[in-house]
Amino acid sequence: MTEIPTFEDLFRDCQESAVHLEMRDAYMKSDPAFISWSAGELLDPAEQWADWHSLVSEATSRGVTVRRARIVSEPISTYVRFEYEVTDGLNISAGENVRWLSRRKATGIALPGNDFWLFDSDRVLVNHFDGDGEILELELTADANVVKLCASAFDSVWERAVPHIEFRPL
């Protein structure tokens, strides 16, 4: 069995683009940052997400375009509210471009069954979660049909989605 590269290695090896499609209304509720935020604590993005900032900043400095699209139910869940409130400090400041799409506007889009990262339009890292949003496993594929579906889904979502700066969650 071939061992898949780490997420960090995939990101560091990326040459042109890294795009991420998120379609769940909740993730990893055991995340310490989410727990702290839920308790009303202020988060320091520079401290909380220093590794992410370094990884994305290094990629964007090499010319890699990093985009993230989120399909969300409205009214949004508590977890999506957390994501929305930390997006500037976590994602945007690291160099990502983030857009949001109401699930109601995604009806005509063929979507894969799982969230994913698409690296350089040729490798898909599929994120498998349990029902509570905890990560179960990662699956890496270069299957042309999966790559095509994921690229098409991301592009369709991106076209319809609202840039983070304009998005006002319900």
Protein backbone atom coordinates (compact mmCIF):
# COMPACT_ATOMS: atom_id res chain seq x y z
CA MET A 1 0.00 0.00 0.00
CA THR A 2 1.39 3.38 -1.01
CA GLU A 3 1.50 5.95 1.73
CA ILE A 4 -0.08 9.24 0.74
CA PRO A 5 1.88 12.46 1.19
CA THR A 6 0.93 14.64 4.12
CA PHE A 7 -1.38 17.58 3.53
CA GLU A 8 1.55 19.89 4.19
CA ASP A 9 3.68 18.08 1.58
CA LEU A 10 0.89 18.30 -1.00
CA PHE A 11 0.56 22.02 -0.30
CA ARG A 12 4.32 22.60 -0.46
CA ASP A 13 4.61 20.64 -3.73
CA CYS A 14 1.76 22.60 -5.31
CA GLN A 15 2.90 24.81 -8.19
CA GLU A 16 -0.15 26.62 -9.53
CA SER A 17 -3.34 26.29 -7.50
CA ALA A 18 -4.87 24.82 -4.38
CA VAL A 19 -8.65 25.03 -4.15
CA HIS A 20 -10.84 23.79 -1.34
CA LEU A 21 -14.57 23.11 -1.40
CA GLU A 22 -16.36 22.88 1.94
CA MET A 23 -19.96 21.67 2.03
CA ARG A 24 -20.69 20.80 5.67
CA ASP A 25 -22.44 22.95 8.26
CA ALA A 26 -20.19 21.76 11.08
CA TYR A 27 -16.66 20.49 11.46
CA MET A 28 -14.54 19.24 14.33
CA LYS A 29 -16.54 20.60 17.23
CA SER A 30 -13.70 19.31 19.42
CA ASP A 31 -11.38 21.95 17.88
CA PRO A 32 -9.91 23.99 20.76
CA ALA A 33 -10.33 27.23 18.77
CA PHE A 34 -14.04 26.53 18.24
CA ILE A 35 -14.48 25.66 21.92
CA SER A 36 -12.71 28.87 22.98
CA TRP A 37 -14.73 30.96 20.52
CA SER A 38 -17.96 29.30 21.75
CA ALA A 39 -17.02 30.31 25.30
CA GLY A 40 -16.68 33.94 24.17
CA GLU A 41 -12.89 34.05 24.26
CA LEU A 42 -11.03 36.26 21.81
CA LEU A 43 -8.73 34.36 19.47
CA ASP A 44 -5.34 35.60 18.33
CA PRO A 45 -5.04 34.46 14.70
CA ALA A 46 -1.27 35.01 14.59
CA GLU A 47 -0.85 32.62 17.51
CA GLN A 48 -3.77 30.25 16.90
CA TRP A 49 -3.06 29.57 13.24
CA ALA A 50 0.64 30.36 12.78
CA ASP A 51 1.33 27.07 10.98
CA TRP A 52 -1.50 27.68 8.51
CA HIS A 53 -0.33 31.23 7.85
CA SER A 54 3.18 29.98 7.15
CA LEU A 55 2.00 27.22 4.83
CA VAL A 56 -0.34 29.42 2.77
CA SER A 57 1.98 32.43 2.75
CA GLU A 58 4.85 30.30 1.49
CA ALA A 59 2.65 28.90 -1.29
CA THR A 60 1.27 32.25 -2.38
CA SER A 61 4.77 33.76 -2.38
CA ARG A 62 5.65 31.08 -4.97
CA GLY A 63 2.70 32.20 -7.10
CA VAL A 64 0.23 29.51 -6.02
CA THR A 65 -3.38 30.69 -6.08
CA VAL A 66 -5.26 29.52 -2.98
CA ARG A 67 -9.06 29.65 -3.07
CA ARG A 68 -11.71 28.31 -0.71
CA ALA A 69 -15.45 28.09 -1.40
CA ARG A 70 -17.99 27.28 1.27
CA ILE A 71 -21.52 26.07 0.59
CA VAL A 72 -23.62 26.88 3.65
CA SER A 73 -27.18 26.42 4.85
CA GLU A 74 -29.02 29.56 5.90
CA PRO A 75 -29.62 30.52 8.57
CA ILE A 76 -26.03 29.47 9.22
CA SER A 77 -25.02 27.02 11.93
CA THR A 78 -23.03 28.03 15.00
CA TYR A 79 -19.94 26.41 13.50
CA VAL A 80 -20.29 28.31 10.21
CA ARG A 81 -20.71 31.53 12.25
CA PHE A 82 -17.36 30.68 13.88
CA GLU A 83 -15.79 30.09 10.44
CA TYR A 84 -17.21 33.37 9.15
CA GLU A 85 -15.92 35.34 12.12
CA VAL A 86 -12.38 33.92 11.91
CA THR A 87 -12.06 33.97 8.10
CA ASP A 88 -10.31 37.36 7.96
CA GLY A 89 -7.71 36.39 10.56
CA LEU A 90 -7.33 32.77 9.52
CA ASN A 91 -7.81 32.57 5.76
CA ILE A 92 -7.72 36.01 4.14
CA SER A 93 -4.68 37.24 6.07
CA ALA A 94 -2.81 34.07 5.11
CA GLY A 95 -3.40 34.78 1.41
CA GLU A 96 -6.52 32.78 0.59
CA ASN A 97 -9.40 34.09 -1.46
CA VAL A 98 -12.69 32.94 0.14
CA ARG A 99 -16.23 32.89 -1.21
CA TRP A 100 -19.55 31.77 0.25
CA LEU A 101 -22.55 30.20 -1.48
CA SER A 102 -25.98 29.70 0.03
CA ARG A 103 -26.96 26.04 -0.32
CA ARG A 104 -30.20 27.24 -1.96
CA LYS A 105 -28.14 28.59 -4.88
CA ALA A 106 -26.19 25.35 -5.34
CA THR A 107 -29.09 23.20 -6.49
CA GLY A 108 -28.10 23.03 -10.17
CA ILE A 109 -24.47 22.16 -9.49
CA ALA A 110 -23.15 18.59 -9.72
CA LEU A 111 -21.27 18.21 -6.44
CA PRO A 112 -19.05 15.37 -5.20
CA GLY A 113 -20.15 13.64 -2.03
CA ASN A 114 -17.26 14.95 0.06
CA ASP A 115 -15.25 18.06 0.74
CA PHE A 116 -11.94 18.16 -1.07
CA TRP A 117 -8.73 19.97 -1.91
CA LEU A 118 -7.73 20.06 -5.58
CA PHE A 119 -4.02 20.62 -6.12
CA ASP A 120 -2.72 21.87 -9.50
CA SER A 121 -5.86 20.58 -11.21
CA ASP A 122 -4.50 17.03 -11.16
CA ARG A 123 -4.76 15.61 -7.62
CA VAL A 124 -7.76 15.54 -5.31
CA LEU A 125 -7.43 15.09 -1.58
CA VAL A 126 -10.84 13.89 -0.41
CA ASN A 127 -11.81 14.66 3.20
CA HIS A 128 -13.93 11.95 4.83
CA PHE A 129 -15.76 13.08 7.98
CA ASP A 130 -18.02 11.33 10.44
CA GLY A 131 -21.52 12.60 11.17
CA ASP A 132 -20.24 15.01 13.82
CA GLY A 133 -17.66 16.57 11.47
CA GLU A 134 -14.61 14.82 12.88
CA ILE A 135 -12.07 13.81 10.25
CA LEU A 136 -11.98 10.07 9.61
CA GLU A 137 -9.46 9.79 6.80
CA LEU A 138 -7.96 11.47 3.78
CA GLU A 139 -7.98 9.88 0.35
CA LEU A 140 -5.70 11.05 -2.46
CA THR A 141 -6.66 10.37 -6.06
CA ALA A 142 -5.51 11.42 -9.50
CA ASP A 143 -8.42 9.61 -11.19
CA ALA A 144 -9.26 11.79 -14.20
CA ASN A 145 -13.03 11.48 -13.68
CA VAL A 146 -12.82 12.52 -10.03
CA VAL A 147 -10.47 15.40 -10.86
CA LYS A 148 -12.83 16.59 -13.62
CA LEU A 149 -15.90 16.42 -11.35
CA CYS A 150 -14.16 18.26 -8.51
CA ALA A 151 -12.72 20.94 -10.79
CA SER A 152 -16.10 21.50 -12.44
CA ALA A 153 -17.91 21.60 -9.08
CA PHE A 154 -15.45 24.07 -7.61
CA ASP A 155 -15.57 26.34 -10.67
CA SER A 156 -19.38 26.32 -10.70
CA VAL A 157 -19.58 27.12 -7.00
CA TRP A 158 -16.93 29.85 -7.35
CA GLU A 159 -18.87 31.55 -10.17
CA ARG A 160 -22.06 31.75 -8.08
CA ALA A 161 -20.47 32.43 -4.70
CA VAL A 162 -20.15 35.77 -2.95
CA PRO A 163 -16.70 37.09 -1.98
CA HIS A 164 -16.10 37.01 1.77
CA ILE A 165 -16.01 40.80 2.03
CA GLU A 166 -19.55 40.99 0.58
CA PHE A 167 -21.09 37.96 2.30
CA ARG A 168 -23.61 38.72 5.05
CA PRO A 169 -24.74 35.51 6.75
CA LEU A 170 -28.30 35.06 7.88
